[in-house]
Amino acid sequence: MSIIKKKIKFNEYSIELLSQRFYSFDVETTGLNPVYNRIIELGCIEFKDLEPIKRFDTLVNANQIIPHHVSMINNISNEMLEDAPTEDEVYYYFCSFIKDVLEGNALIVAHNASFDMNFLANTLERLGISGTLYYIDTLDLARTYLKLPNNKQTTVAEYFNIPIGNAHRAGDDALVCGKILTKIINLFKK
């Protein structure tokens, strides 16, 4: 079983696909290494016609201790994960939610996407799930098309007047990422 990850170019063709439907995605993890660390929260928003229509957002009990310095960033505690669903439970439902993405029929977007896609691919492969992740990175788009002091998701969101919600929580970050992409798409459609 394997996951194929392929970054897609932002061009007229991908803009047309994204304008119809895409999924925005974010994870919170126990650390930075997708082999040794685990996803402890994932959020994904389905966008249709550049509007959010469905949300998948859950904590994940991945049977790993969250280091204190990580909890300080994402505000997720070990206690919060005690009653959270396990990886097997979460990914069964999540794979159903992103079925079209895994089948190569829809695009997925994330900010600093290589981080999120590496964690997602590693997790799915470890669980014996295969598929394809064709993705767009809003960090790359911000670096290429916007002239900002930095390209952090919060900075880009503020530039576009997008409410940030709970930064470093997967569901809200996924929603913000999707809204950033819609703003960048609309810049190109003008």
N, C-alpha and C. Protein backbone atom coordinates (compact mmCIF):
# COMPACT_ATOMS: atom_id res chain seq x y z
N MET A 1 0.85 -1.19 0.00
CA MET A 1 0.00 0.00 0.00
C MET A 1 0.88 1.24 0.00
N SER A 2 0.50 2.21 -0.82
CA SER A 2 1.30 3.43 -0.84
C SER A 2 0.40 4.63 -1.13
N ILE A 3 0.94 5.75 -0.75
CA ILE A 3 0.29 7.02 -1.03
C ILE A 3 1.19 7.78 -2.00
N ILE A 4 0.61 8.26 -3.08
CA ILE A 4 1.33 9.08 -4.03
C ILE A 4 1.02 10.53 -3.70
N LYS A 5 2.07 11.34 -3.52
CA LYS A 5 1.91 12.78 -3.25
C LYS A 5 2.44 13.53 -4.46
N LYS A 6 1.64 14.42 -5.00
CA LYS A 6 2.09 15.20 -6.14
C LYS A 6 1.60 16.63 -6.02
N LYS A 7 2.57 17.55 -5.94
CA LYS A 7 2.22 18.97 -5.90
C LYS A 7 1.78 19.39 -7.30
N ILE A 8 0.67 20.10 -7.35
CA ILE A 8 0.07 20.54 -8.61
C ILE A 8 0.44 22.00 -8.86
N LYS A 9 0.70 22.33 -10.11
CA LYS A 9 1.00 23.72 -10.48
C LYS A 9 -0.28 24.54 -10.40
N PHE A 10 -0.11 25.76 -9.96
CA PHE A 10 -1.22 26.71 -9.92
C PHE A 10 -1.28 27.39 -11.28
N ASN A 11 -2.24 26.98 -12.09
CA ASN A 11 -2.38 27.53 -13.44
C ASN A 11 -3.87 27.57 -13.79
N GLU A 12 -4.17 27.92 -15.03
CA GLU A 12 -5.58 28.05 -15.43
C GLU A 12 -6.36 26.77 -15.21
N TYR A 13 -5.74 25.63 -15.52
CA TYR A 13 -6.42 24.35 -15.37
C TYR A 13 -6.71 24.05 -13.90
N SER A 14 -5.70 24.19 -13.04
CA SER A 14 -5.94 23.89 -11.62
C SER A 14 -6.88 24.91 -10.99
N ILE A 15 -6.82 26.16 -11.42
CA ILE A 15 -7.75 27.17 -10.90
C ILE A 15 -9.18 26.78 -11.24
N GLU A 16 -9.40 26.28 -12.45
CA GLU A 16 -10.74 25.85 -12.85
C GLU A 16 -11.22 24.69 -11.97
N LEU A 17 -10.35 23.71 -11.74
CA LEU A 17 -10.71 22.58 -10.87
C LEU A 17 -10.99 23.04 -9.45
N LEU A 18 -10.10 23.88 -8.92
CA LEU A 18 -10.26 24.38 -7.55
C LEU A 18 -11.53 25.21 -7.41
N SER A 19 -11.89 25.95 -8.43
CA SER A 19 -13.09 26.79 -8.38
C SER A 19 -14.36 25.95 -8.27
N GLN A 20 -14.30 24.71 -8.74
CA GLN A 20 -15.45 23.82 -8.64
C GLN A 20 -15.51 23.15 -7.27
N ARG A 21 -14.36 22.56 -6.85
CA ARG A 21 -14.35 21.85 -5.56
C ARG A 21 -12.92 21.58 -5.15
N PHE A 22 -12.66 21.68 -3.84
CA PHE A 22 -11.38 21.29 -3.27
C PHE A 22 -11.58 21.02 -1.78
N TYR A 23 -10.56 20.44 -1.17
CA TYR A 23 -10.55 20.17 0.26
C TYR A 23 -9.36 20.89 0.87
N SER A 24 -9.59 21.66 1.93
CA SER A 24 -8.48 22.27 2.66
C SER A 24 -8.22 21.43 3.90
N PHE A 25 -6.96 21.38 4.31
CA PHE A 25 -6.53 20.39 5.29
C PHE A 25 -5.48 20.95 6.23
N ASP A 26 -5.53 20.50 7.49
CA ASP A 26 -4.50 20.87 8.46
C ASP A 26 -4.40 19.79 9.52
N VAL A 27 -3.20 19.65 10.08
CA VAL A 27 -2.99 18.71 11.18
C VAL A 27 -2.27 19.40 12.33
N GLU A 28 -2.48 18.87 13.51
CA GLU A 28 -1.66 19.17 14.68
C GLU A 28 -1.00 17.86 15.07
N THR A 29 0.27 17.92 15.45
CA THR A 29 1.04 16.70 15.66
C THR A 29 1.80 16.73 16.99
N THR A 30 2.38 15.59 17.35
CA THR A 30 3.18 15.51 18.58
C THR A 30 4.60 16.00 18.37
N GLY A 31 4.97 16.31 17.14
CA GLY A 31 6.33 16.78 16.82
C GLY A 31 6.46 17.02 15.34
N LEU A 32 7.69 17.11 14.85
CA LEU A 32 7.94 17.49 13.47
C LEU A 32 8.29 16.33 12.54
N ASN A 33 8.50 15.14 13.07
CA ASN A 33 8.93 14.01 12.26
C ASN A 33 7.75 13.10 11.94
N PRO A 34 7.36 13.00 10.65
CA PRO A 34 6.18 12.21 10.30
C PRO A 34 6.35 10.70 10.48
N VAL A 35 7.57 10.24 10.68
CA VAL A 35 7.80 8.81 10.92
C VAL A 35 7.60 8.47 12.39
N TYR A 36 8.14 9.30 13.28
CA TYR A 36 8.10 8.99 14.71
C TYR A 36 6.97 9.69 15.45
N ASN A 37 6.57 10.86 14.99
CA ASN A 37 5.51 11.59 15.66
C ASN A 37 4.17 11.25 15.02
N ARG A 38 3.09 11.68 15.65
CA ARG A 38 1.75 11.32 15.20
C ARG A 38 0.84 12.54 15.11
N ILE A 39 -0.16 12.41 14.26
CA ILE A 39 -1.22 13.41 14.16
C ILE A 39 -2.13 13.24 15.38
N ILE A 40 -2.38 14.36 16.07
CA ILE A 40 -3.27 14.32 17.24
C ILE A 40 -4.56 15.11 16.99
N GLU A 41 -4.59 15.84 15.89
CA GLU A 41 -5.82 16.52 15.50
C GLU A 41 -5.77 16.73 13.99
N LEU A 42 -6.88 16.47 13.33
CA LEU A 42 -6.92 16.79 11.92
C LEU A 42 -8.23 17.48 11.60
N GLY A 43 -8.12 18.40 10.64
CA GLY A 43 -9.27 19.14 10.20
C GLY A 43 -9.26 19.22 8.69
N CYS A 44 -10.44 19.11 8.10
CA CYS A 44 -10.55 19.16 6.65
C CYS A 44 -11.90 19.79 6.31
N ILE A 45 -11.88 20.68 5.35
CA ILE A 45 -13.09 21.38 4.92
C ILE A 45 -13.27 21.14 3.43
N GLU A 46 -14.46 20.72 3.04
CA GLU A 46 -14.77 20.60 1.61
C GLU A 46 -15.34 21.93 1.14
N PHE A 47 -14.76 22.46 0.07
CA PHE A 47 -15.23 23.69 -0.55
C PHE A 47 -15.86 23.33 -1.89
N LYS A 48 -17.01 23.93 -2.16
CA LYS A 48 -17.66 23.79 -3.46
C LYS A 48 -17.99 25.19 -3.94
N ASP A 49 -17.66 25.49 -5.18
CA ASP A 49 -17.89 26.83 -5.73
C ASP A 49 -17.28 27.90 -4.82
N LEU A 50 -16.10 27.59 -4.29
CA LEU A 50 -15.31 28.49 -3.43
C LEU A 50 -15.98 28.81 -2.09
N GLU A 51 -16.91 27.98 -1.67
CA GLU A 51 -17.57 28.16 -0.38
C GLU A 51 -17.43 26.88 0.44
N PRO A 52 -17.18 27.02 1.75
CA PRO A 52 -17.10 25.81 2.59
C PRO A 52 -18.47 25.17 2.75
N ILE A 53 -18.53 23.83 2.54
CA ILE A 53 -19.83 23.17 2.64
C ILE A 53 -19.86 22.03 3.67
N LYS A 54 -18.71 21.39 3.93
CA LYS A 54 -18.66 20.29 4.90
C LYS A 54 -17.37 20.39 5.68
N ARG A 55 -17.45 19.91 6.93
CA ARG A 55 -16.28 20.00 7.81
C ARG A 55 -16.05 18.65 8.50
N PHE A 56 -14.78 18.24 8.54
CA PHE A 56 -14.35 17.07 9.30
C PHE A 56 -13.27 17.57 10.24
N ASP A 57 -13.48 17.39 11.54
CA ASP A 57 -12.57 17.97 12.53
C ASP A 57 -12.59 17.08 13.76
N THR A 58 -11.46 16.52 14.15
CA THR A 58 -11.44 15.65 15.32
C THR A 58 -10.06 15.59 15.96
N LEU A 59 -10.07 15.37 17.25
CA LEU A 59 -8.84 14.99 17.94
C LEU A 59 -8.60 13.52 17.63
N VAL A 60 -7.34 13.08 17.80
CA VAL A 60 -6.97 11.70 17.52
C VAL A 60 -6.13 11.16 18.67
N ASN A 61 -6.58 10.07 19.26
CA ASN A 61 -5.77 9.41 20.28
C ASN A 61 -4.81 8.48 19.54
N ALA A 62 -3.56 8.94 19.39
CA ALA A 62 -2.56 8.20 18.62
C ALA A 62 -1.60 7.44 19.54
N ASN A 63 -1.96 7.32 20.80
CA ASN A 63 -1.14 6.60 21.78
C ASN A 63 0.29 7.13 21.86
N GLN A 64 0.42 8.45 21.86
CA GLN A 64 1.71 9.11 22.08
C GLN A 64 1.50 10.24 23.07
N ILE A 65 2.50 10.45 23.88
CA ILE A 65 2.49 11.57 24.82
C ILE A 65 2.81 12.85 24.05
N ILE A 66 2.05 13.89 24.34
CA ILE A 66 2.31 15.19 23.73
C ILE A 66 3.36 15.92 24.58
N PRO A 67 4.49 16.27 24.01
CA PRO A 67 5.48 17.04 24.76
C PRO A 67 4.90 18.39 25.21
N HIS A 68 5.34 18.86 26.35
CA HIS A 68 4.83 20.11 26.91
C HIS A 68 4.97 21.26 25.92
N HIS A 69 6.13 21.39 25.26
CA HIS A 69 6.34 22.51 24.33
C HIS A 69 5.37 22.45 23.15
N VAL A 70 4.92 21.28 22.76
CA VAL A 70 3.93 21.15 21.69
C VAL A 70 2.55 21.58 22.20
N SER A 71 2.20 21.15 23.41
CA SER A 71 0.92 21.57 24.00
C SER A 71 0.82 23.08 24.15
N MET A 72 1.95 23.71 24.40
CA MET A 72 1.96 25.17 24.54
C MET A 72 1.63 25.86 23.22
N ILE A 73 1.91 25.21 22.11
CA ILE A 73 1.63 25.79 20.79
C ILE A 73 0.18 25.54 20.38
N ASN A 74 -0.26 24.27 20.45
CA ASN A 74 -1.57 23.93 19.90
C ASN A 74 -2.68 23.84 20.95
N ASN A 75 -2.33 24.00 22.21
CA ASN A 75 -3.32 23.95 23.30
C ASN A 75 -4.08 22.63 23.35
N ILE A 76 -3.43 21.55 22.94
CA ILE A 76 -4.00 20.21 23.05
C ILE A 76 -3.24 19.48 24.13
N SER A 77 -3.96 18.99 25.12
CA SER A 77 -3.31 18.31 26.25
C SER A 77 -3.49 16.80 26.13
N ASN A 78 -2.64 16.09 26.84
CA ASN A 78 -2.77 14.63 26.89
C ASN A 78 -4.14 14.22 27.42
N GLU A 79 -4.67 14.96 28.38
CA GLU A 79 -5.98 14.67 28.94
C GLU A 79 -7.08 14.79 27.89
N MET A 80 -6.94 15.73 26.99
CA MET A 80 -7.94 15.92 25.93
C MET A 80 -8.01 14.71 25.01
N LEU A 81 -6.90 13.99 24.88
CA LEU A 81 -6.86 12.86 23.95
C LEU A 81 -7.30 11.54 24.58
N GLU A 82 -7.43 11.51 25.90
CA GLU A 82 -7.79 10.25 26.57
C GLU A 82 -9.06 9.63 26.03
N ASP A 83 -10.08 10.43 25.77
CA ASP A 83 -11.36 9.92 25.27
C ASP A 83 -11.55 10.17 23.78
N ALA A 84 -10.51 10.65 23.11
CA ALA A 84 -10.61 10.90 21.66
C ALA A 84 -10.61 9.57 20.91
N PRO A 85 -11.19 9.54 19.71
CA PRO A 85 -11.18 8.30 18.93
C PRO A 85 -9.75 7.91 18.52
N THR A 86 -9.54 6.63 18.32
CA THR A 86 -8.23 6.12 17.93
C THR A 86 -7.99 6.37 16.44
N GLU A 87 -6.75 6.17 16.02
CA GLU A 87 -6.41 6.34 14.60
C GLU A 87 -7.30 5.48 13.71
N ASP A 88 -7.49 4.22 14.06
CA ASP A 88 -8.31 3.33 13.23
C ASP A 88 -9.71 3.90 13.03
N GLU A 89 -10.30 4.41 14.10
CA GLU A 89 -11.65 4.98 14.01
C GLU A 89 -11.64 6.24 13.15
N VAL A 90 -10.71 7.15 13.45
CA VAL A 90 -10.68 8.44 12.76
C VAL A 90 -10.46 8.27 11.28
N TYR A 91 -9.46 7.48 10.90
CA TYR A 91 -9.10 7.41 9.48
C TYR A 91 -10.09 6.62 8.65
N TYR A 92 -10.86 5.76 9.27
CA TYR A 92 -11.94 5.09 8.56
C TYR A 92 -12.93 6.14 8.05
N TYR A 93 -13.33 7.05 8.94
CA TYR A 93 -14.28 8.09 8.56
C TYR A 93 -13.64 9.17 7.71
N PHE A 94 -12.39 9.51 8.04
CA PHE A 94 -11.72 10.56 7.28
C PHE A 94 -11.51 10.14 5.82
N CYS A 95 -11.11 8.89 5.61
CA CYS A 95 -10.90 8.42 4.23
C CYS A 95 -12.21 8.42 3.44
N SER A 96 -13.31 8.20 4.11
CA SER A 96 -14.61 8.31 3.46
C SER A 96 -14.88 9.77 3.08
N PHE A 97 -14.52 10.69 3.98
CA PHE A 97 -14.73 12.11 3.75
C PHE A 97 -13.92 12.60 2.55
N ILE A 98 -12.68 12.13 2.41
CA ILE A 98 -11.81 12.59 1.32
C ILE A 98 -11.66 11.53 0.21
N LYS A 99 -12.64 10.70 0.07
CA LYS A 99 -12.58 9.60 -0.91
C LYS A 99 -12.19 10.11 -2.30
N ASP A 100 -12.79 11.19 -2.75
CA ASP A 100 -12.48 11.72 -4.08
C ASP A 100 -11.03 12.20 -4.18
N VAL A 101 -10.48 12.70 -3.10
CA VAL A 101 -9.07 13.10 -3.10
C VAL A 101 -8.20 11.86 -3.26
N LEU A 102 -8.44 10.84 -2.45
CA LEU A 102 -7.62 9.62 -2.49
C LEU A 102 -7.72 8.91 -3.83
N GLU A 103 -8.84 9.07 -4.52
CA GLU A 103 -9.01 8.46 -5.84
C GLU A 103 -8.45 9.34 -6.96
N GLY A 104 -7.88 10.49 -6.60
CA GLY A 104 -7.30 11.39 -7.59
C GLY A 104 -8.30 12.24 -8.32
N ASN A 105 -9.51 12.37 -7.78
CA ASN A 105 -10.58 13.12 -8.44
C ASN A 105 -10.85 14.49 -7.85
N ALA A 106 -10.08 14.88 -6.85
CA ALA A 106 -10.22 16.20 -6.24
C ALA A 106 -8.87 16.62 -5.68
N LEU A 107 -8.67 17.92 -5.57
CA LEU A 107 -7.41 18.46 -5.05
C LEU A 107 -7.56 18.78 -3.56
N ILE A 108 -6.43 18.71 -2.87
CA ILE A 108 -6.38 19.05 -1.45
C ILE A 108 -5.37 20.19 -1.30
N VAL A 109 -5.62 21.08 -0.37
CA VAL A 109 -4.76 22.24 -0.17
C VAL A 109 -4.39 22.36 1.30
N ALA A 110 -3.18 22.80 1.55
CA ALA A 110 -2.72 23.06 2.92
C ALA A 110 -1.70 24.19 2.88
N HIS A 111 -1.48 24.82 4.02
CA HIS A 111 -0.46 25.86 4.14
C HIS A 111 0.79 25.18 4.67
N ASN A 112 1.89 25.30 3.94
CA ASN A 112 3.11 24.51 4.19
C ASN A 112 2.75 23.04 3.99
N ALA A 113 2.20 22.77 2.83
CA ALA A 113 1.58 21.48 2.53
C ALA A 113 2.50 20.29 2.65
N SER A 114 3.78 20.44 2.39
CA SER A 114 4.66 19.27 2.48
C SER A 114 4.64 18.69 3.89
N PHE A 115 4.56 19.53 4.92
CA PHE A 115 4.47 19.06 6.30
C PHE A 115 3.21 18.22 6.49
N ASP A 116 2.06 18.77 6.14
CA ASP A 116 0.79 18.09 6.34
C ASP A 116 0.68 16.83 5.48
N MET A 117 1.10 16.94 4.22
CA MET A 117 1.00 15.79 3.32
C MET A 117 1.94 14.66 3.74
N ASN A 118 3.12 15.00 4.26
CA ASN A 118 4.03 13.95 4.74
C ASN A 118 3.43 13.21 5.93
N PHE A 119 2.83 13.95 6.85
CA PHE A 119 2.19 13.30 8.00
C PHE A 119 1.00 12.46 7.56
N LEU A 120 0.18 13.00 6.68
CA LEU A 120 -1.00 12.27 6.23
C LEU A 120 -0.58 11.02 5.47
N ALA A 121 0.35 11.14 4.54
CA ALA A 121 0.79 9.99 3.75
C ALA A 121 1.39 8.91 4.64
N ASN A 122 2.23 9.32 5.59
CA ASN A 122 2.85 8.34 6.49
C ASN A 122 1.80 7.61 7.31
N THR A 123 0.83 8.34 7.82
CA THR A 123 -0.22 7.73 8.64
C THR A 123 -1.05 6.75 7.81
N LEU A 124 -1.48 7.19 6.64
CA LEU A 124 -2.31 6.32 5.80
C LEU A 124 -1.56 5.06 5.39
N GLU A 125 -0.29 5.21 5.01
CA GLU A 125 0.50 4.03 4.64
C GLU A 125 0.67 3.08 5.83
N ARG A 126 0.92 3.64 6.99
CA ARG A 126 1.09 2.83 8.20
C ARG A 126 -0.18 2.05 8.51
N LEU A 127 -1.33 2.62 8.18
CA LEU A 127 -2.62 1.97 8.42
C LEU A 127 -3.07 1.10 7.24
N GLY A 128 -2.22 0.98 6.22
CA GLY A 128 -2.53 0.11 5.09
C GLY A 128 -3.49 0.70 4.07
N ILE A 129 -3.54 2.02 3.99
CA ILE A 129 -4.44 2.71 3.07
C ILE A 129 -3.62 3.28 1.92
N SER A 130 -4.12 3.13 0.71
CA SER A 130 -3.41 3.68 -0.45
C SER A 130 -4.27 4.73 -1.12
N GLY A 131 -3.63 5.53 -1.95
CA GLY A 131 -4.34 6.57 -2.66
C GLY A 131 -3.40 7.61 -3.22
N THR A 132 -3.98 8.68 -3.71
CA THR A 132 -3.23 9.77 -4.34
C THR A 132 -3.60 11.08 -3.68
N LEU A 133 -2.60 11.91 -3.44
CA LEU A 133 -2.82 13.24 -2.88
C LEU A 133 -2.26 14.27 -3.87
N TYR A 134 -3.12 14.81 -4.72
CA TYR A 134 -2.74 15.92 -5.58
C TYR A 134 -3.01 17.19 -4.77
N TYR A 135 -1.96 17.98 -4.53
CA TYR A 135 -2.14 19.08 -3.60
C TYR A 135 -1.57 20.40 -4.11
N ILE A 136 -2.09 21.47 -3.51
CA ILE A 136 -1.67 22.86 -3.73
C ILE A 136 -1.21 23.39 -2.37
N ASP A 137 -0.19 24.24 -2.38
CA ASP A 137 0.35 24.79 -1.15
C ASP A 137 0.11 26.30 -1.11
N THR A 138 -0.72 26.76 -0.16
CA THR A 138 -0.99 28.20 -0.06
C THR A 138 0.23 28.97 0.41
N LEU A 139 1.16 28.32 1.11
CA LEU A 139 2.41 28.99 1.49
C LEU A 139 3.18 29.37 0.22
N ASP A 140 3.31 28.44 -0.71
CA ASP A 140 3.98 28.73 -1.98
C ASP A 140 3.27 29.83 -2.75
N LEU A 141 1.94 29.79 -2.75
CA LEU A 141 1.18 30.82 -3.46
C LEU A 141 1.41 32.19 -2.83
N ALA A 142 1.42 32.25 -1.51
CA ALA A 142 1.67 33.52 -0.82
C ALA A 142 3.07 34.05 -1.15
N ARG A 143 4.06 33.17 -1.12
CA ARG A 143 5.44 33.58 -1.45
C ARG A 143 5.53 34.10 -2.88
N THR A 144 4.80 33.48 -3.79
CA THR A 144 4.88 33.81 -5.21
C THR A 144 4.08 35.06 -5.56
N TYR A 145 2.88 35.21 -5.02
CA TYR A 145 1.97 36.24 -5.50
C TYR A 145 1.72 37.40 -4.54
N LEU A 146 2.09 37.27 -3.29
CA LEU A 146 1.85 38.35 -2.33
C LEU A 146 3.18 38.89 -1.83
N LYS A 147 3.24 40.12 -1.54
CA LYS A 147 4.46 40.74 -1.00
C LYS A 147 4.19 41.12 0.45
N LEU A 148 4.41 40.15 1.34
CA LEU A 148 4.12 40.33 2.75
C LEU A 148 5.42 40.24 3.56
N PRO A 149 5.42 40.78 4.78
CA PRO A 149 6.64 40.70 5.61
C PRO A 149 7.04 39.25 5.93
N ASN A 150 6.04 38.37 6.01
CA ASN A 150 6.28 36.93 6.15
C ASN A 150 5.06 36.23 5.55
N ASN A 151 5.15 34.94 5.42
CA ASN A 151 4.07 34.21 4.76
C ASN A 151 3.38 33.21 5.69
N LYS A 152 3.44 33.48 7.00
CA LYS A 152 2.71 32.64 7.95
C LYS A 152 1.23 32.70 7.62
N GLN A 153 0.53 31.62 7.91
CA GLN A 153 -0.90 31.60 7.58
C GLN A 153 -1.64 32.74 8.26
N THR A 154 -1.30 33.06 9.50
CA THR A 154 -1.99 34.15 10.20
C THR A 154 -1.75 35.49 9.51
N THR A 155 -0.53 35.71 9.01
CA THR A 155 -0.20 36.96 8.31
C THR A 155 -0.99 37.06 7.01
N VAL A 156 -1.05 35.96 6.25
CA VAL A 156 -1.79 35.96 4.98
C VAL A 156 -3.28 36.16 5.25
N ALA A 157 -3.80 35.50 6.29
CA ALA A 157 -5.21 35.66 6.65
C ALA A 157 -5.52 37.12 7.01
N GLU A 158 -4.66 37.73 7.81
CA GLU A 158 -4.87 39.13 8.17
C GLU A 158 -4.84 40.03 6.93
N TYR A 159 -3.95 39.75 6.00
CA TYR A 159 -3.86 40.52 4.76
C TYR A 159 -5.20 40.49 4.01
N PHE A 160 -5.84 39.33 4.00
CA PHE A 160 -7.12 39.18 3.31
C PHE A 160 -8.33 39.44 4.21
N ASN A 161 -8.12 39.88 5.45
CA ASN A 161 -9.19 40.13 6.41
C ASN A 161 -10.03 38.89 6.69
N ILE A 162 -9.36 37.75 6.80
CA ILE A 162 -10.03 36.49 7.11
C ILE A 162 -9.92 36.26 8.61
N PRO A 163 -11.04 36.06 9.31
CA PRO A 163 -10.97 35.76 10.74
C PRO A 163 -10.16 34.48 10.98
N ILE A 164 -9.28 34.52 11.96
CA ILE A 164 -8.35 33.42 12.20
C ILE A 164 -8.96 32.32 13.07
N GLY A 165 -9.89 32.66 13.95
CA GLY A 165 -10.44 31.63 14.84
C GLY A 165 -9.38 31.18 15.83
N ASN A 166 -9.31 29.89 16.09
CA ASN A 166 -8.31 29.32 17.00
C ASN A 166 -7.09 28.87 16.21
N ALA A 167 -6.10 29.75 16.10
CA ALA A 167 -4.88 29.40 15.37
C ALA A 167 -4.23 28.19 16.02
N HIS A 168 -3.64 27.35 15.21
CA HIS A 168 -3.00 26.10 15.65
C HIS A 168 -4.01 25.09 16.17
N ARG A 169 -5.24 25.17 15.71
CA ARG A 169 -6.21 24.11 15.88
C ARG A 169 -6.63 23.71 14.47
N ALA A 170 -6.62 22.42 14.20
CA ALA A 170 -6.68 21.92 12.84
C ALA A 170 -7.93 22.35 12.06
N GLY A 171 -9.09 22.28 12.65
CA GLY A 171 -10.31 22.64 11.93
C GLY A 171 -10.34 24.10 11.52
N ASP A 172 -10.01 24.99 12.45
CA ASP A 172 -10.00 26.41 12.13
C ASP A 172 -8.89 26.75 11.14
N ASP A 173 -7.71 26.14 11.31
CA ASP A 173 -6.61 26.41 10.36
C ASP A 173 -6.96 25.90 8.96
N ALA A 174 -7.65 24.76 8.87
CA ALA A 174 -8.06 24.25 7.56
C ALA A 174 -9.04 25.21 6.90
N LEU A 175 -9.97 25.73 7.67
CA LEU A 175 -10.94 26.68 7.13
C LEU A 175 -10.25 27.95 6.64
N VAL A 176 -9.33 28.48 7.44
CA VAL A 176 -8.59 29.68 7.06
C VAL A 176 -7.79 29.42 5.79
N CYS A 177 -7.14 28.28 5.71
CA CYS A 177 -6.36 27.92 4.52
C CYS A 177 -7.24 27.91 3.27
N GLY A 178 -8.40 27.30 3.37
CA GLY A 178 -9.31 27.26 2.24
C GLY A 178 -9.78 28.64 1.82
N LYS A 179 -10.04 29.50 2.80
CA LYS A 179 -10.47 30.87 2.49
C LYS A 179 -9.33 31.67 1.85
N ILE A 180 -8.09 31.41 2.28
CA ILE A 180 -6.94 32.06 1.64
C ILE A 180 -6.87 31.66 0.17
N LEU A 181 -7.03 30.38 -0.07
CA LEU A 181 -6.99 29.92 -1.46
C LEU A 181 -8.09 30.57 -2.29
N THR A 182 -9.28 30.69 -1.75
CA THR A 182 -10.36 31.32 -2.53
C THR A 182 -10.03 32.78 -2.85
N LYS A 183 -9.40 33.47 -1.91
CA LYS A 183 -9.01 34.87 -2.16
C LYS A 183 -7.96 34.95 -3.26
N ILE A 184 -6.99 34.04 -3.24
CA ILE A 184 -5.96 34.05 -4.28
C ILE A 184 -6.56 33.69 -5.63
N ILE A 185 -7.46 32.71 -5.65
CA ILE A 185 -8.14 32.36 -6.91
C ILE A 185 -8.89 33.57 -7.46
N ASN A 186 -9.61 34.27 -6.58
CA ASN A 186 -10.38 35.44 -7.03
C ASN A 186 -9.48 36.55 -7.57
N LEU A 187 -8.25 36.67 -7.05
CA LEU A 187 -7.31 37.64 -7.60
C LEU A 187 -7.01 37.31 -9.06
N PHE A 188 -6.92 36.02 -9.37
CA PHE A 188 -6.60 35.61 -10.73
C PHE A 188 -7.79 35.68 -11.66
N LYS A 189 -8.98 35.62 -11.12
CA LYS A 189 -10.17 35.65 -11.96
C LYS A 189 -10.56 37.08 -12.36
N LYS A 190 -9.95 38.07 -11.73
CA LYS A 190 -10.29 39.46 -12.04
C LYS A 190 -9.71 39.87 -13.36
